[in-house]
Structure formats: structure tokens, C-alpha cells
Amino acid sequence: MKKTLALILILIAGFCVYWFMLRSKKASKADTSETPIAQANHSAVFNKSVDAVIAAYLTAKDGLTKNDTAAAKMGTTQMIAALDLIDMKELAKDSNAVIETAQASIQDVKANAESLLRQTSIDEMRKDFSAMTDMMYPAFFSAVKYEGPRLYFYHCNMAFNNQGANWITNINEPDNPYMGGLAPDCSELKDSIAGLSLHN
């Protein structure tokens, strides 16, 4: 009788421990699923206008990567038009200083893009593209508080007779716009440009 009672007590104790552990696991799973998703600060229209700038930049980059000056100029022309469509009033909720910084950044990018369009030599186009890239990262992305898909910031130390140059791409692999496919091994990933986590 005593053995039976002891066995019942052990079974009850074991069941209680199992039930407690099962509930704890369920509770911890529920907690992780309630992690807040990053919220956009900008409207969908604003983010689309910034995405259009990036898409045009990537078209220009791809043109230079393939030694295609016409494609590079087409992308640059599209980029200038897209920059003009960014609505600065979207940034007004932050401060006037933010708007002024964004406008200055956009003007710097446009100045280099317009210079690229005037070039006839692909080497000179690449120099303007490099300067345009340096105006974009990090200044432009910071000024507009970028919320788009993840991008990658690469460097080639062999560009322009080993002076080096940077570019931005949407693929995490070398697609060097400076060497015309001759020296992809000089490509080095320096940073990634992250928008909202829900895009990455």
C-alpha cells in the first residue's frame, strides 16, 4: 500500500514538473513572436522615390561594369530626374536642418551626375561616378534616413592607378564598375547599408 502511494506521489510530482516546463516553453515562444517589427518613418511614396534613385544609380553602375557608356549615361539621366522627385516636405517633421542637409546632399550628388553626362571618356565617367558615390554614402543615405532594401558598399584599391574608388551595389558579390571586369579580386566589401529590417 505504501509503495503504491509513493509511486502515485512520484507520478504526480513528475507530471507537475513536466506541465510547468511545457508552459514555460510556450510562454517564451509567445514572447519572441511579439518582438515589434520596425516601423517606417516615411510614406510609401517617399520611399519609392528614394528607391528610384537607387535603381537608376545601379543602372549606371551596371553600365560602367560592362563598359557600356550609353547605359551608364541613361542610368545617370534617370537618377537626376529621380532626385528631383524626392519630396523634401516629408522630412519637415524632423527639422529644417534635416531638410537643408538633405537638399545639400542631393545637390552634391546631382553635380557629379551632371558632370558624368558631359564626359566622352569612360575613364572620366568612372571618376565622376566615384565622386557621385562618395556624395551618396553615407551623406545621402543618412540625410533621407534610408528605409529601402539592404545594399552593399564596396571598395577597389586598384581603381585609378591604385588611388582606389567605392561603389554601391544591391548584390553581395563583386561587380566592379571601375576595372571593366579585369580585376574583380580587388573588390572588397566595406559596409552594408541597411534600411528597415522588414526589407532585409
N, C-alpha and C. Protein backbone atom coordinates (compact mmCIF):
# COMPACT_ATOMS: atom_id res chain seq x y z
N MET A 1 0.83 -1.20 0.00
CA MET A 1 0.00 0.00 0.00
C MET A 1 0.86 1.25 0.00
N LYS A 2 1.92 1.21 0.89
CA LYS A 2 2.80 2.37 0.97
C LYS A 2 3.56 2.57 -0.34
N LYS A 3 3.95 1.42 -0.96
CA LYS A 3 4.67 1.51 -2.22
C LYS A 3 3.79 2.11 -3.31
N THR A 4 2.53 1.73 -3.33
CA THR A 4 1.59 2.25 -4.33
C THR A 4 1.39 3.75 -4.15
N LEU A 5 1.22 4.17 -2.91
CA LEU A 5 1.03 5.59 -2.60
C LEU A 5 2.27 6.39 -3.00
N ALA A 6 3.45 5.85 -2.72
CA ALA A 6 4.70 6.54 -3.07
C ALA A 6 4.83 6.67 -4.59
N LEU A 7 4.44 5.61 -5.30
CA LEU A 7 4.50 5.63 -6.76
C LEU A 7 3.56 6.67 -7.34
N ILE A 8 2.36 6.76 -6.77
CA ILE A 8 1.37 7.77 -7.22
C ILE A 8 1.91 9.17 -6.99
N LEU A 9 2.52 9.39 -5.82
CA LEU A 9 3.07 10.72 -5.49
C LEU A 9 4.20 11.09 -6.46
N ILE A 10 5.04 10.11 -6.80
CA ILE A 10 6.14 10.36 -7.74
C ILE A 10 5.59 10.72 -9.13
N LEU A 11 4.54 9.97 -9.54
CA LEU A 11 3.93 10.26 -10.85
C LEU A 11 3.32 11.65 -10.89
N ILE A 12 2.64 12.02 -9.79
CA ILE A 12 2.03 13.35 -9.73
C ILE A 12 3.10 14.43 -9.77
N ALA A 13 4.19 14.22 -9.01
CA ALA A 13 5.28 15.20 -8.99
C ALA A 13 5.92 15.33 -10.38
N GLY A 14 6.12 14.19 -11.06
CA GLY A 14 6.70 14.21 -12.40
C GLY A 14 5.81 14.95 -13.38
N PHE A 15 4.49 14.70 -13.28
CA PHE A 15 3.55 15.37 -14.16
C PHE A 15 3.58 16.88 -13.94
N CYS A 16 3.65 17.29 -12.65
CA CYS A 16 3.69 18.73 -12.32
C CYS A 16 4.93 19.39 -12.91
N VAL A 17 6.08 18.73 -12.80
CA VAL A 17 7.32 19.27 -13.36
C VAL A 17 7.21 19.39 -14.87
N TYR A 18 6.70 18.33 -15.52
CA TYR A 18 6.52 18.35 -16.98
C TYR A 18 5.59 19.48 -17.41
N TRP A 19 4.47 19.63 -16.71
CA TRP A 19 3.48 20.66 -17.05
C TRP A 19 4.07 22.05 -16.90
N PHE A 20 4.85 22.26 -15.83
CA PHE A 20 5.47 23.56 -15.59
C PHE A 20 6.47 23.90 -16.69
N MET A 21 7.30 22.93 -17.08
CA MET A 21 8.30 23.15 -18.12
C MET A 21 7.64 23.40 -19.48
N LEU A 22 6.57 22.69 -19.78
CA LEU A 22 5.85 22.86 -21.04
C LEU A 22 5.26 24.26 -21.14
N ARG A 23 4.68 24.73 -20.05
CA ARG A 23 4.08 26.08 -20.02
C ARG A 23 5.16 27.15 -20.17
N SER A 24 6.32 26.92 -19.57
CA SER A 24 7.42 27.90 -19.66
C SER A 24 7.90 28.04 -21.09
N LYS A 25 8.00 26.90 -21.80
CA LYS A 25 8.43 26.92 -23.20
C LYS A 25 7.43 27.67 -24.07
N LYS A 26 6.15 27.40 -23.83
CA LYS A 26 5.11 28.09 -24.60
C LYS A 26 5.16 29.59 -24.36
N ALA A 27 5.39 29.97 -23.11
CA ALA A 27 5.43 31.39 -22.76
C ALA A 27 6.61 32.07 -23.45
N SER A 28 7.78 31.40 -23.46
CA SER A 28 8.96 32.01 -24.09
C SER A 28 8.77 32.14 -25.59
N LYS A 29 8.10 31.15 -26.23
CA LYS A 29 7.81 31.25 -27.66
C LYS A 29 6.88 32.41 -27.94
N ALA A 30 5.92 32.60 -27.12
CA ALA A 30 4.97 33.70 -27.30
C ALA A 30 5.68 35.04 -27.19
N ASP A 31 6.65 35.14 -26.27
CA ASP A 31 7.37 36.39 -26.07
C ASP A 31 8.17 36.76 -27.31
N THR A 32 8.86 35.79 -27.91
CA THR A 32 9.68 36.12 -29.07
C THR A 32 8.82 36.49 -30.27
N SER A 33 7.66 35.93 -30.38
CA SER A 33 6.81 36.27 -31.52
C SER A 33 6.22 37.66 -31.41
N GLU A 34 6.30 38.25 -30.23
CA GLU A 34 5.74 39.58 -30.04
C GLU A 34 6.79 40.68 -30.19
N THR A 35 8.00 40.33 -30.70
CA THR A 35 9.03 41.34 -30.93
C THR A 35 8.50 42.34 -31.95
N PRO A 36 8.56 43.62 -31.66
CA PRO A 36 7.98 44.61 -32.57
C PRO A 36 8.72 44.66 -33.90
N ILE A 37 7.98 44.81 -34.99
CA ILE A 37 8.56 44.97 -36.33
C ILE A 37 8.92 46.43 -36.51
N ALA A 38 10.05 46.67 -37.19
CA ALA A 38 10.48 48.04 -37.43
C ALA A 38 9.40 48.80 -38.20
N GLN A 39 9.14 50.02 -37.76
CA GLN A 39 8.11 50.83 -38.38
C GLN A 39 8.74 51.87 -39.31
N ALA A 40 8.12 52.09 -40.46
CA ALA A 40 8.63 53.09 -41.40
C ALA A 40 8.39 54.49 -40.86
N ASN A 41 9.37 55.36 -41.05
CA ASN A 41 9.22 56.77 -40.68
C ASN A 41 8.67 57.58 -41.84
N HIS A 42 8.83 57.05 -43.04
CA HIS A 42 8.42 57.78 -44.24
C HIS A 42 7.21 57.13 -44.89
N SER A 43 6.57 57.90 -45.76
CA SER A 43 5.45 57.35 -46.52
C SER A 43 5.98 56.42 -47.61
N ALA A 44 5.09 55.57 -48.12
CA ALA A 44 5.46 54.66 -49.21
C ALA A 44 5.90 55.45 -50.44
N VAL A 45 5.27 56.59 -50.68
CA VAL A 45 5.61 57.42 -51.84
C VAL A 45 7.04 57.95 -51.72
N PHE A 46 7.40 58.42 -50.53
CA PHE A 46 8.76 58.93 -50.31
C PHE A 46 9.78 57.82 -50.51
N ASN A 47 9.53 56.67 -49.90
CA ASN A 47 10.48 55.56 -50.02
C ASN A 47 10.61 55.08 -51.46
N LYS A 48 9.51 55.12 -52.22
CA LYS A 48 9.58 54.73 -53.64
C LYS A 48 10.45 55.70 -54.43
N SER A 49 10.36 56.99 -54.08
CA SER A 49 11.17 57.98 -54.79
C SER A 49 12.65 57.78 -54.51
N VAL A 50 12.99 57.41 -53.28
CA VAL A 50 14.39 57.12 -52.94
C VAL A 50 14.83 55.83 -53.63
N ASP A 51 13.95 54.82 -53.64
CA ASP A 51 14.27 53.56 -54.33
C ASP A 51 14.53 53.79 -55.82
N ALA A 52 13.81 54.75 -56.42
CA ALA A 52 14.01 55.06 -57.84
C ALA A 52 15.40 55.64 -58.08
N VAL A 53 15.88 56.44 -57.13
CA VAL A 53 17.23 56.99 -57.23
C VAL A 53 18.25 55.86 -57.21
N ILE A 54 18.06 54.93 -56.27
CA ILE A 54 19.00 53.80 -56.14
C ILE A 54 18.95 52.92 -57.39
N ALA A 55 17.76 52.66 -57.91
CA ALA A 55 17.63 51.82 -59.11
C ALA A 55 18.37 52.45 -60.29
N ALA A 56 18.25 53.77 -60.43
CA ALA A 56 18.93 54.46 -61.53
C ALA A 56 20.45 54.44 -61.33
N TYR A 57 20.88 54.63 -60.09
CA TYR A 57 22.32 54.54 -59.77
C TYR A 57 22.85 53.16 -60.16
N LEU A 58 22.10 52.10 -59.83
CA LEU A 58 22.53 50.74 -60.14
C LEU A 58 22.59 50.49 -61.65
N THR A 59 21.69 51.14 -62.40
CA THR A 59 21.73 51.03 -63.86
C THR A 59 23.03 51.65 -64.39
N ALA A 60 23.39 52.82 -63.84
CA ALA A 60 24.64 53.47 -64.24
C ALA A 60 25.84 52.60 -63.86
N LYS A 61 25.81 52.05 -62.66
CA LYS A 61 26.90 51.17 -62.20
C LYS A 61 27.05 49.96 -63.10
N ASP A 62 25.93 49.33 -63.46
CA ASP A 62 25.98 48.15 -64.33
C ASP A 62 26.54 48.50 -65.71
N GLY A 63 26.17 49.70 -66.20
CA GLY A 63 26.71 50.14 -67.49
C GLY A 63 28.22 50.27 -67.45
N LEU A 64 28.75 50.88 -66.39
CA LEU A 64 30.20 51.04 -66.27
C LEU A 64 30.88 49.69 -66.08
N THR A 65 30.23 48.79 -65.35
CA THR A 65 30.80 47.44 -65.15
C THR A 65 30.97 46.72 -66.49
N LYS A 66 30.03 46.97 -67.41
CA LYS A 66 30.05 46.30 -68.72
C LYS A 66 30.71 47.16 -69.81
N ASN A 67 31.34 48.28 -69.40
CA ASN A 67 31.96 49.21 -70.36
C ASN A 67 30.94 49.78 -71.34
N ASP A 68 29.70 49.92 -70.90
CA ASP A 68 28.61 50.40 -71.75
C ASP A 68 28.30 51.85 -71.35
N THR A 69 28.89 52.80 -72.07
CA THR A 69 28.74 54.20 -71.71
C THR A 69 27.30 54.70 -71.90
N ALA A 70 26.62 54.17 -72.91
CA ALA A 70 25.23 54.59 -73.16
C ALA A 70 24.34 54.20 -71.98
N ALA A 71 24.50 52.98 -71.48
CA ALA A 71 23.70 52.53 -70.33
C ALA A 71 24.05 53.33 -69.08
N ALA A 72 25.34 53.63 -68.91
CA ALA A 72 25.77 54.41 -67.75
C ALA A 72 25.15 55.81 -67.78
N LYS A 73 25.12 56.41 -68.95
CA LYS A 73 24.52 57.75 -69.08
C LYS A 73 23.00 57.71 -68.93
N MET A 74 22.38 56.64 -69.44
CA MET A 74 20.93 56.51 -69.30
C MET A 74 20.57 56.41 -67.81
N GLY A 75 21.30 55.57 -67.07
CA GLY A 75 21.03 55.44 -65.64
C GLY A 75 21.26 56.75 -64.90
N THR A 76 22.30 57.48 -65.29
CA THR A 76 22.60 58.76 -64.64
C THR A 76 21.52 59.79 -64.92
N THR A 77 21.03 59.81 -66.16
CA THR A 77 19.93 60.72 -66.52
C THR A 77 18.69 60.41 -65.69
N GLN A 78 18.38 59.13 -65.57
CA GLN A 78 17.23 58.70 -64.76
C GLN A 78 17.42 59.08 -63.29
N MET A 79 18.65 59.00 -62.84
CA MET A 79 18.94 59.31 -61.45
C MET A 79 18.71 60.79 -61.15
N ILE A 80 19.16 61.65 -62.04
CA ILE A 80 18.94 63.09 -61.85
C ILE A 80 17.45 63.39 -61.78
N ALA A 81 16.68 62.79 -62.69
CA ALA A 81 15.23 63.00 -62.69
C ALA A 81 14.60 62.49 -61.40
N ALA A 82 15.07 61.33 -60.92
CA ALA A 82 14.52 60.75 -59.69
C ALA A 82 14.87 61.61 -58.47
N LEU A 83 16.06 62.17 -58.45
CA LEU A 83 16.46 63.05 -57.33
C LEU A 83 15.54 64.26 -57.24
N ASP A 84 15.13 64.78 -58.41
CA ASP A 84 14.24 65.95 -58.43
C ASP A 84 12.84 65.63 -57.91
N LEU A 85 12.48 64.35 -57.88
CA LEU A 85 11.13 63.96 -57.45
C LEU A 85 11.04 63.63 -55.96
N ILE A 86 12.16 63.66 -55.24
CA ILE A 86 12.11 63.41 -53.79
C ILE A 86 11.45 64.60 -53.12
N ASP A 87 10.40 64.34 -52.36
CA ASP A 87 9.63 65.41 -51.71
C ASP A 87 10.27 65.73 -50.35
N MET A 88 10.95 66.85 -50.30
CA MET A 88 11.65 67.24 -49.07
C MET A 88 10.70 67.54 -47.91
N LYS A 89 9.44 67.85 -48.24
CA LYS A 89 8.48 68.16 -47.17
C LYS A 89 8.26 66.97 -46.25
N GLU A 90 8.55 65.77 -46.76
CA GLU A 90 8.43 64.56 -45.95
C GLU A 90 9.35 64.62 -44.73
N LEU A 91 10.48 65.33 -44.87
CA LEU A 91 11.46 65.42 -43.79
C LEU A 91 11.18 66.59 -42.84
N ALA A 92 10.14 67.37 -43.13
CA ALA A 92 9.85 68.56 -42.33
C ALA A 92 9.51 68.23 -40.89
N LYS A 93 8.99 67.02 -40.66
CA LYS A 93 8.61 66.64 -39.30
C LYS A 93 9.84 66.50 -38.40
N ASP A 94 11.01 66.34 -39.01
CA ASP A 94 12.23 66.23 -38.21
C ASP A 94 12.74 67.63 -37.84
N SER A 95 13.22 68.38 -38.81
CA SER A 95 13.64 69.76 -38.57
C SER A 95 14.06 70.39 -39.88
N ASN A 96 14.15 71.72 -39.87
CA ASN A 96 14.61 72.42 -41.07
C ASN A 96 16.06 72.07 -41.38
N ALA A 97 16.84 71.82 -40.33
CA ALA A 97 18.25 71.46 -40.53
C ALA A 97 18.36 70.16 -41.31
N VAL A 98 17.46 69.21 -41.04
CA VAL A 98 17.46 67.92 -41.74
C VAL A 98 17.17 68.15 -43.22
N ILE A 99 16.18 69.00 -43.52
CA ILE A 99 15.83 69.30 -44.91
C ILE A 99 17.01 69.95 -45.63
N GLU A 100 17.65 70.91 -44.97
CA GLU A 100 18.78 71.61 -45.59
C GLU A 100 19.93 70.64 -45.87
N THR A 101 20.19 69.73 -44.93
CA THR A 101 21.24 68.73 -45.12
C THR A 101 20.92 67.82 -46.30
N ALA A 102 19.66 67.38 -46.38
CA ALA A 102 19.23 66.50 -47.48
C ALA A 102 19.33 67.21 -48.82
N GLN A 103 18.89 68.48 -48.85
CA GLN A 103 18.95 69.24 -50.10
C GLN A 103 20.40 69.43 -50.56
N ALA A 104 21.29 69.73 -49.61
CA ALA A 104 22.70 69.91 -49.95
C ALA A 104 23.30 68.61 -50.48
N SER A 105 22.93 67.50 -49.85
CA SER A 105 23.42 66.19 -50.28
C SER A 105 22.95 65.87 -51.69
N ILE A 106 21.68 66.13 -51.95
CA ILE A 106 21.12 65.87 -53.27
C ILE A 106 21.81 66.73 -54.33
N GLN A 107 22.07 67.99 -54.01
CA GLN A 107 22.74 68.88 -54.97
C GLN A 107 24.16 68.39 -55.27
N ASP A 108 24.86 67.89 -54.26
CA ASP A 108 26.21 67.35 -54.47
C ASP A 108 26.18 66.14 -55.39
N VAL A 109 25.22 65.25 -55.15
CA VAL A 109 25.09 64.05 -55.99
C VAL A 109 24.77 64.46 -57.43
N LYS A 110 23.83 65.40 -57.58
CA LYS A 110 23.43 65.85 -58.92
C LYS A 110 24.58 66.51 -59.67
N ALA A 111 25.39 67.28 -58.97
CA ALA A 111 26.51 67.97 -59.63
C ALA A 111 27.46 66.96 -60.27
N ASN A 112 27.75 65.89 -59.54
CA ASN A 112 28.64 64.86 -60.10
C ASN A 112 27.95 64.06 -61.20
N ALA A 113 26.65 63.84 -61.05
CA ALA A 113 25.90 63.12 -62.09
C ALA A 113 25.86 63.94 -63.38
N GLU A 114 25.65 65.24 -63.26
CA GLU A 114 25.61 66.10 -64.44
C GLU A 114 26.98 66.17 -65.12
N SER A 115 28.04 66.15 -64.30
CA SER A 115 29.39 66.13 -64.86
C SER A 115 29.63 64.84 -65.64
N LEU A 116 29.15 63.71 -65.10
CA LEU A 116 29.31 62.42 -65.79
C LEU A 116 28.67 62.47 -67.18
N LEU A 117 27.51 63.11 -67.28
CA LEU A 117 26.80 63.16 -68.56
C LEU A 117 27.57 63.95 -69.61
N ARG A 118 28.43 64.87 -69.17
CA ARG A 118 29.19 65.68 -70.11
C ARG A 118 30.45 64.98 -70.63
N GLN A 119 30.82 63.87 -70.02
CA GLN A 119 32.06 63.19 -70.37
C GLN A 119 31.90 62.35 -71.63
N THR A 120 32.99 62.23 -72.37
CA THR A 120 33.02 61.35 -73.54
C THR A 120 33.92 60.14 -73.29
N SER A 121 34.81 60.24 -72.33
CA SER A 121 35.72 59.15 -71.98
C SER A 121 35.14 58.33 -70.84
N ILE A 122 35.17 57.01 -70.97
CA ILE A 122 34.65 56.16 -69.90
C ILE A 122 35.47 56.30 -68.62
N ASP A 123 36.77 56.60 -68.78
CA ASP A 123 37.61 56.80 -67.58
C ASP A 123 37.15 58.02 -66.80
N GLU A 124 36.82 59.11 -67.51
CA GLU A 124 36.32 60.32 -66.85
C GLU A 124 34.93 60.08 -66.26
N MET A 125 34.12 59.29 -66.96
CA MET A 125 32.80 58.95 -66.42
C MET A 125 32.94 58.19 -65.11
N ARG A 126 33.90 57.28 -65.07
CA ARG A 126 34.12 56.50 -63.85
C ARG A 126 34.57 57.39 -62.69
N LYS A 127 35.36 58.41 -63.00
CA LYS A 127 35.80 59.34 -61.94
C LYS A 127 34.60 60.10 -61.36
N ASP A 128 33.71 60.55 -62.25
CA ASP A 128 32.51 61.24 -61.77
C ASP A 128 31.59 60.29 -61.01
N PHE A 129 31.52 59.05 -61.47
CA PHE A 129 30.70 58.05 -60.77
C PHE A 129 31.26 57.81 -59.37
N SER A 130 32.58 57.75 -59.26
CA SER A 130 33.22 57.57 -57.96
C SER A 130 32.90 58.75 -57.03
N ALA A 131 33.01 59.97 -57.56
CA ALA A 131 32.70 61.15 -56.76
C ALA A 131 31.23 61.17 -56.36
N MET A 132 30.36 60.74 -57.28
CA MET A 132 28.92 60.68 -57.00
C MET A 132 28.65 59.67 -55.88
N THR A 133 29.34 58.53 -55.94
CA THR A 133 29.18 57.52 -54.89
C THR A 133 29.59 58.06 -53.53
N ASP A 134 30.71 58.80 -53.50
CA ASP A 134 31.20 59.34 -52.24
C ASP A 134 30.25 60.39 -51.67
N MET A 135 29.49 61.06 -52.55
CA MET A 135 28.47 62.01 -52.09
C MET A 135 27.24 61.27 -51.55
N MET A 136 27.01 60.06 -52.07
CA MET A 136 25.83 59.30 -51.64
C MET A 136 26.04 58.60 -50.31
N TYR A 137 27.24 58.03 -50.14
CA TYR A 137 27.49 57.25 -48.92
C TYR A 137 28.57 57.89 -48.09
N PRO A 138 28.28 58.26 -46.84
CA PRO A 138 27.00 58.00 -46.16
C PRO A 138 26.01 59.16 -46.20
N ALA A 139 26.43 60.32 -46.75
CA ALA A 139 25.65 61.55 -46.59
C ALA A 139 24.20 61.44 -47.08
N PHE A 140 24.01 60.99 -48.32
CA PHE A 140 22.65 60.92 -48.87
C PHE A 140 21.78 59.96 -48.08
N PHE A 141 22.32 58.75 -47.80
CA PHE A 141 21.53 57.74 -47.08
C PHE A 141 21.15 58.22 -45.68
N SER A 142 22.06 58.93 -45.04
CA SER A 142 21.77 59.46 -43.70
C SER A 142 20.74 60.58 -43.78
N ALA A 143 20.90 61.46 -44.76
CA ALA A 143 20.02 62.63 -44.88
C ALA A 143 18.57 62.23 -45.11
N VAL A 144 18.35 61.22 -45.97
CA VAL A 144 16.97 60.81 -46.27
C VAL A 144 16.48 59.72 -45.32
N LYS A 145 17.36 59.30 -44.39
CA LYS A 145 17.02 58.22 -43.45
C LYS A 145 16.51 57.00 -44.22
N TYR A 146 17.40 56.45 -45.00
CA TYR A 146 17.10 55.36 -45.93
C TYR A 146 16.36 54.21 -45.27
N GLU A 147 15.28 53.75 -45.93
CA GLU A 147 14.47 52.65 -45.41
C GLU A 147 14.27 51.52 -46.43
N GLY A 148 15.06 51.53 -47.48
CA GLY A 148 14.88 50.55 -48.55
C GLY A 148 15.61 49.24 -48.29
N PRO A 149 15.68 48.38 -49.29
CA PRO A 149 16.34 47.07 -49.15
C PRO A 149 17.83 47.22 -48.87
N ARG A 150 18.43 46.17 -48.32
CA ARG A 150 19.84 46.21 -47.97
C ARG A 150 20.71 46.40 -49.22
N LEU A 151 21.72 47.26 -49.08
CA LEU A 151 22.69 47.50 -50.14
C LEU A 151 24.09 47.22 -49.58
N TYR A 152 25.06 47.14 -50.49
CA TYR A 152 26.43 46.82 -50.08
C TYR A 152 27.40 47.86 -50.62
N PHE A 153 28.35 48.24 -49.78
CA PHE A 153 29.32 49.28 -50.10
C PHE A 153 30.68 48.63 -50.32
N TYR A 154 31.16 48.69 -51.56
CA TYR A 154 32.40 48.03 -51.95
C TYR A 154 33.50 49.05 -52.25
N HIS A 155 34.75 48.57 -52.18
CA HIS A 155 35.92 49.38 -52.48
C HIS A 155 36.87 48.59 -53.38
N CYS A 156 37.46 49.27 -54.34
CA CYS A 156 38.50 48.67 -55.18
C CYS A 156 39.77 49.51 -55.01
N ASN A 157 40.81 48.92 -54.45
CA ASN A 157 42.04 49.68 -54.20
C ASN A 157 42.89 49.85 -55.46
N MET A 158 42.54 49.18 -56.54
CA MET A 158 43.31 49.27 -57.78
C MET A 158 42.76 50.32 -58.75
N ALA A 159 41.58 50.84 -58.48
CA ALA A 159 40.96 51.81 -59.39
C ALA A 159 41.80 53.09 -59.47
N PHE A 160 41.81 53.69 -60.65
CA PHE A 160 42.51 54.96 -60.89
C PHE A 160 43.97 54.89 -60.46
N ASN A 161 44.67 53.90 -60.99
CA ASN A 161 46.10 53.72 -60.70
C ASN A 161 46.37 53.62 -59.20
N ASN A 162 45.59 52.76 -58.58
CA ASN A 162 45.75 52.44 -57.15
C ASN A 162 45.37 53.57 -56.19
N GLN A 163 44.62 54.56 -56.70
CA GLN A 163 44.09 55.59 -55.79
C GLN A 163 42.88 55.04 -55.03
N GLY A 164 42.18 54.11 -55.65
CA GLY A 164 41.02 53.49 -55.02
C GLY A 164 39.71 54.21 -55.32
N ALA A 165 38.62 53.46 -55.27
CA ALA A 165 37.29 54.02 -55.51
C ALA A 165 36.24 53.10 -54.92
N ASN A 166 35.08 53.68 -54.62
CA ASN A 166 33.97 52.96 -53.97
C ASN A 166 32.78 52.86 -54.91
N TRP A 167 31.90 51.91 -54.60
CA TRP A 167 30.61 51.85 -55.28
C TRP A 167 29.60 51.14 -54.40
N ILE A 168 28.34 51.29 -54.75
CA ILE A 168 27.22 50.70 -54.02
C ILE A 168 26.55 49.69 -54.95
N THR A 169 26.17 48.55 -54.38
CA THR A 169 25.50 47.53 -55.19
C THR A 169 24.41 46.86 -54.36
N ASN A 170 23.50 46.20 -55.06
CA ASN A 170 22.42 45.50 -54.36
C ASN A 170 22.68 44.00 -54.27
N ILE A 171 23.85 43.57 -54.72
CA ILE A 171 24.21 42.15 -54.60
C ILE A 171 25.51 42.03 -53.82
N ASN A 172 25.57 41.08 -52.92
CA ASN A 172 26.75 40.93 -52.08
C ASN A 172 27.81 40.08 -52.78
N GLU A 173 28.28 40.61 -53.89
CA GLU A 173 29.37 39.98 -54.63
C GLU A 173 29.98 41.03 -55.55
N PRO A 174 31.25 40.87 -55.93
CA PRO A 174 31.92 41.89 -56.73
C PRO A 174 31.26 42.12 -58.09
N ASP A 175 30.98 43.36 -58.40
CA ASP A 175 30.51 43.75 -59.74
C ASP A 175 31.14 45.11 -60.03
N ASN A 176 32.46 45.11 -60.07
CA ASN A 176 33.31 46.30 -60.08
C ASN A 176 33.08 47.18 -61.31
N PRO A 177 32.62 48.44 -61.11
CA PRO A 177 32.38 49.32 -62.26
C PRO A 177 33.62 50.05 -62.76
N TYR A 178 34.76 49.86 -62.09
CA TYR A 178 35.96 50.63 -62.43
C TYR A 178 36.96 49.89 -63.29
N MET A 179 36.96 48.58 -63.24
CA MET A 179 38.01 47.82 -63.91
C MET A 179 37.53 47.10 -65.17
N GLY A 180 36.27 47.27 -65.51
CA GLY A 180 35.75 46.64 -66.72
C GLY A 180 35.86 45.13 -66.72
N GLY A 181 35.74 44.53 -65.53
CA GLY A 181 35.81 43.08 -65.41
C GLY A 181 37.23 42.53 -65.40
N LEU A 182 38.24 43.41 -65.39
CA LEU A 182 39.63 42.94 -65.48
C LEU A 182 40.20 42.47 -64.15
N ALA A 183 39.74 43.10 -63.05
CA ALA A 183 40.34 42.76 -61.75
C ALA A 183 39.29 42.68 -60.65
N PRO A 184 38.37 41.71 -60.75
CA PRO A 184 37.34 41.60 -59.71
C PRO A 184 37.89 41.28 -58.33
N ASP A 185 39.13 40.73 -58.28
CA ASP A 185 39.70 40.36 -56.98
C ASP A 185 40.05 41.56 -56.11
N CYS A 186 40.09 42.76 -56.71
CA CYS A 186 40.41 43.94 -55.91
C CYS A 186 39.17 44.45 -55.16
N SER A 187 38.03 43.84 -55.41
CA SER A 187 36.79 44.28 -54.77
C SER A 187 36.75 43.83 -53.31
N GLU A 188 36.47 44.78 -52.43
CA GLU A 188 36.43 44.48 -51.00
C GLU A 188 35.16 45.06 -50.39
N LEU A 189 34.38 44.22 -49.73
CA LEU A 189 33.18 44.68 -49.05
C LEU A 189 33.58 45.48 -47.82
N LYS A 190 33.11 46.74 -47.76
CA LYS A 190 33.46 47.62 -46.64
C LYS A 190 32.32 47.79 -45.65
N ASP A 191 31.09 47.75 -46.15
CA ASP A 191 29.95 48.01 -45.27
C ASP A 191 28.68 47.55 -45.95
N SER A 192 27.61 47.45 -45.19
CA SER A 192 26.29 47.23 -45.77
C SER A 192 25.40 48.38 -45.32
N ILE A 193 24.48 48.73 -46.17
CA ILE A 193 23.58 49.85 -45.91
C ILE A 193 22.20 49.26 -45.66
N ALA A 194 21.79 49.26 -44.42
CA ALA A 194 20.56 48.59 -44.03
C ALA A 194 19.42 49.58 -43.92
N GLY A 195 18.30 49.26 -44.56
CA GLY A 195 17.08 50.02 -44.34
C GLY A 195 16.32 49.39 -43.19
N LEU A 196 15.02 49.30 -43.31
CA LEU A 196 14.21 48.64 -42.27
C LEU A 196 14.47 47.15 -42.28
N SER A 197 14.42 46.52 -41.10
CA SER A 197 14.68 45.09 -41.01
C SER A 197 13.67 44.27 -41.81
N LEU A 198 12.48 44.79 -42.00
CA LEU A 198 11.47 44.04 -42.75
C LEU A 198 11.79 43.96 -44.24
N HIS A 199 12.74 44.80 -44.71
CA HIS A 199 13.15 44.75 -46.12
C HIS A 199 14.35 43.85 -46.32
N ASN A 200 15.09 43.52 -45.26
CA ASN A 200 16.40 42.89 -45.42
C ASN A 200 16.31 41.38 -45.60
